[in-house]
Amino acid sequence: MKELLILLKDGNKPSLLAGVVNTIIGVLKAVAFFLTGNVAMFAEMLHSFGDAANQFFVYIGSALSKKAPTPKYPNGFGRIVNLVCLGAVIIVAIMSYEAIKEGWHHVLNPIVSGGVYINLSVLGFAILLEFFVLYKAGKEVLHEAGIEQKGLLAPITSSFSHLDRAKPATKLVFMEDLVATAGGILAFSAVLIAHFLGFLAAEGIASIMIGLMMFYVVGKVFLENARGAIGETDEEMLNHIAHIVAVDADVLDIQRIEVVKEGEFLHVELVIEVAPTHTVAYIDDIRDRLMQIILNQRGVQDVMISFDEDDGIKTWTGSNTNTTLNEHSAKFPE
């Protein structure tokens, strides 16, 4: 139990914040729905509770993924966060189906819902809270990508282009709260249209649209974390690390290199060709030097380096220029 509490301190903070906020929002929307019977509010209630459950699961999963390797699990527990995300999307999928189903029933049989000012107040407050969480998640995306925030709205405007370099948990929170904020605006608009223009089906249409947006998150998160659970090569970091190794004076060639995502971390394996005249002690110094450099790269958790004598055949065809290395180092700070 003590070990679990220690691990939870290192869990993904944006997912914890999002879980707490969405629980509060879900309760408020549930009260509003039971008072007014508004179907758009029903979809938003399911959305918030689904997001909250997801984000609490992801927070716990991200904490457990940082557990140190054991003799039984020598590769560590990095992929737990991917497995947890895969389980979490099932909850969102169920909520999505319910939102679409209720929305369709309302479109076919629209009914007047009361408490318009209750609905608008709750939805307006929820939109502000969701946007706050989205903004915090966007800041974390930029931080994890090693990008300096430039401008007040950078966490919203710049996060999209760097989302692939964020941790799985942070990416999930950002996407869910982006959809939640958009869904809140849709529901708010639907309540206004139904009340002031008398188009009652607007609330049902909004519920269907919210459900479809949730399904989009389900599909995208499922595919990304399925790749992570299987073990996906990080091509960008592979090229970056290959260039770092290739410029070393003692490295004559790179026979093989693998950089595999293990949840939030990277597992690196290298087979390097060196001069056959080197002593074992000298090669050991090369290994120590390269391991220290590679382990200082963002996200790298462990490195395995093997050596072979140079066969005179060039396998690694990348550039060995310092210019290329410097360009990549700017993108991947140590």
Protein backbone atom coordinates (compact mmCIF):
# COMPACT_ATOMS: atom_id res chain seq x y z
CA MET A 1 0.00 0.00 0.00
CA LYS A 2 2.86 2.34 0.87
CA GLU A 3 4.49 1.66 -2.51
CA LEU A 4 1.20 2.45 -4.29
CA LEU A 5 0.88 5.80 -2.50
CA ILE A 6 4.45 6.68 -3.46
CA LEU A 7 3.75 5.78 -7.09
CA LEU A 8 0.52 7.82 -7.11
CA LYS A 9 2.54 10.94 -6.31
CA ASP A 10 4.20 10.55 -9.71
CA GLY A 11 0.94 9.92 -11.59
CA ASN A 12 -0.10 12.12 -14.50
CA LYS A 13 -1.26 15.37 -12.86
CA PRO A 14 -3.44 16.65 -15.75
CA SER A 15 -5.50 13.43 -15.66
CA LEU A 16 -6.02 13.74 -11.89
CA LEU A 17 -7.11 17.38 -12.22
CA ALA A 18 -9.40 16.50 -15.13
CA GLY A 19 -10.92 13.59 -13.18
CA VAL A 20 -11.77 15.78 -10.19
CA VAL A 21 -13.16 18.62 -12.33
CA ASN A 22 -15.25 16.28 -14.48
CA THR A 23 -16.71 14.58 -11.40
CA ILE A 24 -17.87 17.97 -10.09
CA ILE A 25 -19.24 18.91 -13.51
CA GLY A 26 -20.96 15.51 -13.86
CA VAL A 27 -22.76 15.93 -10.52
CA LEU A 28 -23.94 19.43 -11.48
CA LYS A 29 -25.19 18.19 -14.86
CA ALA A 30 -26.94 15.22 -13.22
CA VAL A 31 -28.81 17.56 -10.88
CA ALA A 32 -29.75 19.81 -13.81
CA PHE A 33 -30.95 16.83 -15.87
CA PHE A 34 -33.14 15.44 -13.10
CA LEU A 35 -34.65 18.89 -12.53
CA THR A 36 -35.27 19.70 -16.20
CA GLY A 37 -35.25 16.43 -18.19
CA ASN A 38 -33.18 18.08 -20.91
CA VAL A 39 -31.78 15.41 -23.27
CA ALA A 40 -28.73 17.49 -24.27
CA MET A 41 -27.94 17.80 -20.57
CA PHE A 42 -28.31 14.01 -20.29
CA ALA A 43 -25.66 13.54 -23.01
CA GLU A 44 -23.38 16.03 -21.30
CA MET A 45 -23.88 14.28 -17.93
CA LEU A 46 -22.83 10.93 -19.45
CA HIS A 47 -19.92 12.63 -21.18
CA SER A 48 -18.61 14.16 -17.95
CA PHE A 49 -18.96 11.00 -15.87
CA GLY A 50 -17.37 8.94 -18.65
CA ASP A 51 -14.45 11.37 -18.87
CA ALA A 52 -14.04 11.40 -15.08
CA ALA A 53 -13.91 7.59 -14.88
CA ASN A 54 -11.43 7.52 -17.76
CA GLN A 55 -9.16 10.11 -16.28
CA PHE A 56 -9.04 8.51 -12.83
CA PHE A 57 -8.17 5.18 -14.46
CA VAL A 58 -5.48 6.85 -16.55
CA TYR A 59 -4.05 8.63 -13.50
CA ILE A 60 -3.67 5.33 -11.64
CA GLY A 61 -2.31 3.59 -14.76
CA SER A 62 0.27 6.32 -15.38
CA ALA A 63 1.43 5.99 -11.76
CA LEU A 64 1.72 2.20 -11.92
CA SER A 65 3.64 2.43 -15.21
CA LYS A 66 6.51 4.09 -13.31
CA LYS A 67 7.06 1.04 -11.12
CA ALA A 68 10.68 -0.10 -11.33
CA PRO A 69 11.50 -3.27 -13.29
CA THR A 70 11.59 -6.52 -11.32
CA PRO A 71 13.32 -9.86 -12.02
CA LYS A 72 9.95 -11.23 -13.17
CA TYR A 73 9.21 -8.17 -15.35
CA PRO A 74 12.66 -6.98 -16.48
CA ASN A 75 11.27 -4.62 -19.15
CA GLY A 76 9.32 -2.66 -16.54
CA PHE A 77 5.67 -1.67 -16.44
CA GLY A 78 5.66 1.19 -18.95
CA ARG A 79 2.92 -0.31 -21.13
CA ILE A 80 0.41 -0.42 -18.26
CA VAL A 81 -0.70 3.11 -19.15
CA ASN A 82 -1.52 1.93 -22.71
CA LEU A 83 -3.53 -1.02 -21.38
CA VAL A 84 -5.41 1.23 -18.95
CA CYS A 85 -6.25 3.67 -21.75
CA LEU A 86 -7.56 0.77 -23.83
CA GLY A 87 -9.85 -0.25 -20.99
CA ALA A 88 -10.91 3.33 -20.33
CA VAL A 89 -12.17 3.90 -23.87
CA ILE A 90 -14.71 1.10 -23.39
CA ILE A 91 -16.45 3.30 -20.81
CA VAL A 92 -16.53 6.23 -23.23
CA ALA A 93 -17.88 3.97 -26.00
CA ILE A 94 -20.81 2.89 -23.79
CA MET A 95 -21.54 6.50 -22.85
CA SER A 96 -21.34 7.50 -26.51
CA TYR A 97 -23.90 4.89 -27.50
CA GLU A 98 -26.32 6.02 -24.77
CA ALA A 99 -25.96 9.68 -25.78
CA ILE A 100 -26.67 8.89 -29.45
CA LYS A 101 -29.61 6.60 -28.61
CA GLU A 102 -31.30 9.14 -26.33
CA GLY A 103 -30.64 11.92 -28.82
CA TRP A 104 -32.26 9.92 -31.63
CA HIS A 105 -35.33 9.20 -29.48
CA HIS A 106 -35.63 12.91 -28.75
CA VAL A 107 -35.38 13.81 -32.45
CA LEU A 108 -38.20 11.37 -33.24
CA ASN A 109 -40.33 12.41 -30.25
CA PRO A 110 -39.27 15.90 -29.14
CA ILE A 111 -40.59 17.08 -25.80
CA VAL A 112 -40.39 20.44 -24.06
CA SER A 113 -37.88 20.55 -21.20
CA GLY A 114 -38.06 23.24 -18.56
CA GLY A 115 -35.47 25.00 -16.44
CA VAL A 116 -33.76 26.76 -19.32
CA TYR A 117 -31.83 29.08 -17.02
CA ILE A 118 -30.70 26.18 -14.84
CA ASN A 119 -29.40 24.38 -17.93
CA LEU A 120 -27.67 27.44 -19.32
CA SER A 121 -26.06 28.28 -15.97
CA VAL A 122 -24.74 24.75 -15.43
CA LEU A 123 -23.53 24.40 -19.03
CA GLY A 124 -21.86 27.82 -18.97
CA PHE A 125 -20.04 27.00 -15.73
CA ALA A 126 -19.06 23.58 -17.10
CA ILE A 127 -17.65 25.09 -20.30
CA LEU A 128 -15.42 27.41 -18.27
CA LEU A 129 -14.14 24.53 -16.11
CA GLU A 130 -13.57 22.27 -19.11
CA PHE A 131 -11.67 25.03 -20.91
CA PHE A 132 -9.51 25.52 -17.79
CA VAL A 133 -8.60 21.81 -17.77
CA LEU A 134 -8.00 21.89 -21.54
CA TYR A 135 -5.67 24.86 -21.10
CA LYS A 136 -3.71 23.09 -18.33
CA ALA A 137 -3.49 19.93 -20.45
CA GLY A 138 -2.25 22.02 -23.39
CA LYS A 139 0.50 23.50 -21.22
CA GLU A 140 1.54 19.98 -20.22
CA VAL A 141 1.59 18.90 -23.89
CA LEU A 142 4.01 21.73 -24.71
CA HIS A 143 6.12 20.91 -21.65
CA GLU A 144 6.39 17.22 -22.55
CA ALA A 145 7.24 18.10 -26.15
CA GLY A 146 10.01 20.43 -24.97
CA ILE A 147 8.36 23.47 -26.58
CA GLU A 148 8.54 26.90 -24.97
CA GLN A 149 5.13 28.53 -24.51
CA LYS A 150 4.88 31.68 -26.60
CA GLY A 151 1.74 33.70 -26.02
CA LEU A 152 -1.22 33.30 -23.70
CA LEU A 153 -3.19 31.04 -26.06
CA ALA A 154 -0.22 28.86 -27.08
CA PRO A 155 -1.42 25.88 -24.95
CA ILE A 156 -4.54 25.78 -27.12
CA THR A 157 -3.25 26.87 -30.53
CA SER A 158 0.17 25.17 -30.52
CA SER A 159 -0.66 21.91 -28.76
CA PHE A 160 -2.27 20.29 -31.81
CA SER A 161 0.96 20.23 -33.82
CA HIS A 162 2.92 18.72 -30.91
CA LEU A 163 0.29 16.30 -29.60
CA ASP A 164 2.07 13.21 -30.96
CA ARG A 165 5.05 13.93 -28.71
CA ALA A 166 2.98 14.12 -25.52
CA LYS A 167 2.61 11.22 -23.08
CA PRO A 168 -0.39 8.92 -23.72
CA ALA A 169 -2.18 10.05 -20.53
CA THR A 170 -1.74 13.77 -21.29
CA LYS A 171 -2.83 13.26 -24.88
CA LEU A 172 -5.99 11.47 -23.72
CA VAL A 173 -6.88 14.27 -21.28
CA PHE A 174 -6.32 16.95 -23.94
CA MET A 175 -8.48 15.18 -26.52
CA GLU A 176 -11.28 14.37 -24.08
CA ASP A 177 -11.48 17.90 -22.73
CA LEU A 178 -11.32 19.37 -26.22
CA VAL A 179 -14.38 17.30 -27.11
CA ALA A 180 -15.98 18.10 -23.73
CA THR A 181 -15.56 21.85 -24.27
CA ALA A 182 -16.95 21.61 -27.80
CA GLY A 183 -19.80 19.40 -26.55
CA GLY A 184 -20.68 21.91 -23.85
CA ILE A 185 -20.87 24.69 -26.43
CA LEU A 186 -23.08 22.49 -28.63
CA ALA A 187 -25.43 21.68 -25.75
CA PHE A 188 -25.56 25.37 -24.70
CA SER A 189 -26.48 26.37 -28.26
CA ALA A 190 -29.11 23.62 -28.49
CA VAL A 191 -30.84 24.78 -25.30
CA LEU A 192 -30.95 28.35 -26.64
CA ILE A 193 -32.35 27.23 -30.03
CA ALA A 194 -34.98 24.95 -28.47
CA HIS A 195 -36.17 27.59 -26.01
CA PHE A 196 -36.15 30.74 -28.13
CA LEU A 197 -36.81 29.30 -31.62
CA GLY A 198 -39.02 26.38 -30.62
CA PHE A 199 -36.93 23.85 -32.56
CA LEU A 200 -37.10 21.11 -29.91
CA ALA A 201 -35.19 18.54 -31.98
CA ALA A 202 -32.05 20.70 -31.62
CA GLU A 203 -31.39 19.16 -28.20
CA GLY A 204 -31.57 15.65 -29.65
CA ILE A 205 -29.31 16.60 -32.55
CA ALA A 206 -26.80 18.07 -30.10
CA SER A 207 -26.88 14.84 -28.07
CA ILE A 208 -26.17 12.78 -31.21
CA MET A 209 -23.31 15.08 -32.22
CA ILE A 210 -21.79 14.87 -28.72
CA GLY A 211 -22.01 11.08 -28.86
CA LEU A 212 -20.31 11.01 -32.28
CA MET A 213 -17.48 13.23 -31.03
CA MET A 214 -17.01 10.85 -28.11
CA PHE A 215 -16.82 7.94 -30.56
CA TYR A 216 -14.10 9.82 -32.44
CA VAL A 217 -12.04 10.01 -29.24
CA VAL A 218 -12.69 6.30 -28.63
CA GLY A 219 -11.38 5.35 -32.08
CA LYS A 220 -8.31 7.57 -32.01
CA VAL A 221 -7.28 6.71 -28.45
CA PHE A 222 -7.88 2.99 -29.05
CA LEU A 223 -5.67 2.88 -32.15
CA GLU A 224 -2.85 4.89 -30.58
CA ASN A 225 -2.75 2.88 -27.36
CA ALA A 226 -3.12 -0.44 -29.18
CA ARG A 227 0.09 0.44 -31.02
CA GLY A 228 1.71 1.42 -27.74
CA ALA A 229 0.65 -1.81 -26.00
CA ILE A 230 2.10 -3.90 -28.83
CA GLY A 231 5.28 -1.84 -28.94
CA GLU A 232 5.65 0.93 -31.51
CA THR A 233 8.86 2.33 -32.95
CA ASP A 234 9.41 6.03 -32.29
CA GLU A 235 10.83 6.97 -35.69
CA GLU A 236 11.73 10.55 -34.76
CA MET A 237 13.68 9.55 -31.65
CA LEU A 238 15.25 6.63 -33.54
CA ASN A 239 16.75 9.03 -36.08
CA HIS A 240 17.79 11.44 -33.34
CA ILE A 241 19.60 8.79 -31.29
CA ALA A 242 21.15 7.25 -34.43
CA HIS A 243 22.67 10.64 -35.31
CA ILE A 244 24.02 11.07 -31.79
CA VAL A 245 25.70 7.66 -31.94
CA ALA A 246 26.91 8.04 -35.54
CA VAL A 247 28.94 11.22 -34.82
CA ASP A 248 30.94 9.46 -32.10
CA ALA A 249 34.56 9.09 -33.29
CA ASP A 250 34.77 5.43 -32.21
CA VAL A 251 31.57 4.33 -33.94
CA LEU A 252 32.35 3.10 -37.45
CA ASP A 253 28.82 1.93 -38.28
CA ILE A 254 25.40 1.22 -36.76
CA GLN A 255 24.39 -2.30 -37.62
CA ARG A 256 20.96 -2.16 -35.97
CA ILE A 257 18.98 0.32 -33.86
CA GLU A 258 15.57 0.02 -32.23
CA VAL A 259 13.72 2.68 -30.22
CA VAL A 260 10.47 1.22 -28.91
CA LYS A 261 7.83 3.06 -26.87
CA GLU A 262 7.15 1.41 -23.52
CA GLY A 263 4.16 3.47 -22.36
CA GLU A 264 5.59 6.88 -21.53
CA PHE A 265 9.19 5.68 -21.87
CA LEU A 266 11.58 4.56 -24.60
CA HIS A 267 13.56 1.33 -24.76
CA VAL A 268 16.70 1.59 -26.92
CA GLU A 269 18.71 -1.27 -28.42
CA LEU A 270 21.86 -0.76 -30.51
CA VAL A 271 24.34 -2.96 -32.34
CA ILE A 272 27.46 -0.89 -33.11
CA GLU A 273 30.46 -1.72 -35.25
CA VAL A 274 33.88 -0.65 -33.95
CA ALA A 275 37.49 -1.23 -34.94
CA PRO A 276 38.60 -4.81 -34.22
CA THR A 277 41.85 -3.52 -32.71
CA HIS A 278 40.13 -2.03 -29.63
CA THR A 279 40.58 -3.75 -26.29
CA VAL A 280 37.63 -4.90 -24.17
CA ALA A 281 38.38 -2.14 -21.65
CA TYR A 282 38.34 0.51 -24.40
CA ILE A 283 35.02 -0.79 -25.81
CA ASP A 284 33.58 -0.75 -22.29
CA ASP A 285 34.50 2.95 -22.07
CA ILE A 286 32.71 3.55 -25.39
CA ARG A 287 29.61 1.77 -24.07
CA ASP A 288 29.57 3.80 -20.83
CA ARG A 289 29.99 7.07 -22.73
CA LEU A 290 27.21 6.33 -25.21
CA MET A 291 24.84 4.99 -22.56
CA GLN A 292 25.21 8.17 -20.51
CA ILE A 293 24.45 10.35 -23.54
CA ILE A 294 21.45 8.27 -24.67
CA LEU A 295 19.95 7.97 -21.16
CA ASN A 296 20.01 11.77 -20.93
CA GLN A 297 17.64 12.01 -23.92
CA ARG A 298 14.00 12.79 -23.23
CA GLY A 299 11.93 9.74 -22.31
CA VAL A 300 14.70 7.13 -22.56
CA GLN A 301 14.45 4.66 -19.67
CA ASP A 302 16.91 1.93 -20.58
CA VAL A 303 19.57 1.22 -23.20
CA MET A 304 21.13 -2.02 -24.42
CA ILE A 305 24.30 -1.71 -26.51
CA SER A 306 26.04 -4.58 -28.28
CA PHE A 307 29.28 -4.41 -30.27
CA ASP A 308 30.56 -6.12 -33.40
CA GLU A 309 33.75 -5.69 -35.39
CA ASP A 310 33.58 -3.46 -38.44
CA ASP A 311 32.82 -5.46 -41.59
CA GLY A 312 33.67 -2.65 -43.99
CA ILE A 313 30.06 -2.46 -45.27
CA LYS A 314 28.22 0.75 -44.45
CA THR A 315 24.79 -0.08 -42.95
CA TRP A 316 23.79 3.24 -41.42
CA THR A 317 23.26 5.74 -44.26
CA GLY A 318 22.28 8.76 -42.18
CA SER A 319 24.30 11.96 -42.08
CA ASN A 320 27.23 12.21 -39.64
CA THR A 321 27.44 16.01 -39.79
CA ASN A 322 27.38 18.09 -36.63
CA THR A 323 24.76 20.33 -38.24
CA THR A 324 22.24 17.52 -38.34
CA LEU A 325 23.00 16.60 -34.73
CA ASN A 326 22.54 20.16 -33.54
CA GLU A 327 19.23 20.48 -35.34
CA HIS A 328 17.89 17.34 -33.67
CA SER A 329 19.32 18.32 -30.27
CA ALA A 330 17.30 21.53 -30.42
CA LYS A 331 14.13 19.48 -30.82
CA PHE A 332 15.04 16.91 -28.17
CA PRO A 333 16.62 18.67 -25.20
CA GLU A 334 18.66 16.58 -22.81
